[in-house]
Amino acid sequence: MHYLDLVANAIILQNTIDLSQAIQAVRDQGFPVTTELIAGLSAYLTSKIKRYGDYILDMLTKPLPFEEIMA
């Protein structure tokens, strides 16, 4: 059971990074991103998860802090 928790947590972490990068890209294009819009997002997806797919983790690149993305 612990391995399933590890996989779920890894997926949530990757989804959080992907969402953060997508938010930054939208902001870079000049669209306003408010906390109300972000409140509707979730890193815990329950459908279309590639459970046994390719998950490539870049452990050398540190993601931006969330505060910098929202600034």
Protein backbone atom coordinates (compact mmCIF):
# COMPACT_ATOMS: atom_id res chain seq x y z
CA MET A 1 0.00 0.00 0.00
CA HIS A 2 2.88 2.39 0.67
CA TYR A 3 4.03 2.16 -2.95
CA LEU A 4 0.62 3.31 -4.18
CA ASP A 5 0.88 6.32 -1.87
CA LEU A 6 4.32 7.07 -3.27
CA VAL A 7 3.02 6.90 -6.85
CA ALA A 8 0.02 9.09 -6.01
CA ASN A 9 2.25 11.66 -4.29
CA ALA A 10 4.67 11.69 -7.24
CA ILE A 11 1.77 12.30 -9.64
CA ILE A 12 0.44 15.12 -7.47
CA LEU A 13 3.91 16.69 -7.32
CA GLN A 14 4.34 16.51 -11.10
CA ASN A 15 0.85 17.90 -11.65
CA THR A 16 1.65 20.80 -9.28
CA ILE A 17 4.80 21.60 -11.26
CA ASP A 18 2.93 21.35 -14.57
CA LEU A 19 0.12 23.59 -13.28
CA SER A 20 2.64 26.15 -12.00
CA GLN A 21 4.38 26.26 -15.37
CA ALA A 22 1.05 26.58 -17.20
CA ILE A 23 -0.01 29.44 -14.92
CA GLN A 24 3.29 31.19 -15.55
CA ALA A 25 2.92 30.76 -19.33
CA VAL A 26 -0.58 32.26 -19.23
CA ARG A 27 0.69 35.20 -17.17
CA ASP A 28 3.61 35.68 -19.56
CA GLN A 29 1.10 36.02 -22.40
CA GLY A 30 -0.52 38.94 -20.56
CA PHE A 31 -3.63 37.27 -19.23
CA PRO A 32 -4.60 38.11 -15.65
CA VAL A 33 -4.37 35.19 -13.24
CA THR A 34 -6.20 35.73 -9.98
CA THR A 35 -6.33 33.65 -6.82
CA GLU A 36 -10.01 33.02 -7.58
CA LEU A 37 -9.09 31.36 -10.87
CA ILE A 38 -6.34 29.30 -9.27
CA ALA A 39 -8.70 28.18 -6.51
CA GLY A 40 -10.57 26.14 -9.10
CA LEU A 41 -7.49 24.11 -10.04
CA SER A 42 -6.41 20.88 -8.44
CA ALA A 43 -3.19 18.89 -8.61
CA TYR A 44 -5.13 15.77 -7.60
CA LEU A 45 -6.59 14.58 -10.88
CA THR A 46 -8.91 11.60 -10.82
CA SER A 47 -9.19 10.90 -14.53
CA LYS A 48 -6.84 10.50 -17.49
CA ILE A 49 -3.87 9.63 -15.27
CA LYS A 50 -1.14 7.70 -17.03
CA ARG A 51 -0.70 5.36 -14.08
CA TYR A 52 1.93 3.25 -15.82
CA GLY A 53 3.08 5.89 -18.30
CA ASP A 54 6.37 7.70 -18.59
CA TYR A 55 7.06 10.06 -15.73
CA ILE A 56 10.33 11.85 -16.30
CA LEU A 57 11.45 13.79 -13.24
CA ASP A 58 14.09 16.45 -13.65
CA MET A 59 15.72 16.36 -10.23
CA LEU A 60 18.36 18.93 -11.23
CA THR A 61 16.03 21.83 -12.04
CA LYS A 62 14.39 23.43 -9.05
CA PRO A 63 10.84 24.72 -9.76
CA LEU A 64 10.04 28.36 -9.06
CA PRO A 65 8.50 29.14 -5.68
CA PHE A 66 4.74 29.61 -5.93
CA GLU A 67 5.08 33.16 -4.60
CA GLU A 68 7.22 34.10 -7.62
CA ILE A 69 4.68 32.63 -10.01
CA MET A 70 1.88 34.66 -8.43
CA ALA A 71 3.88 37.93 -8.29
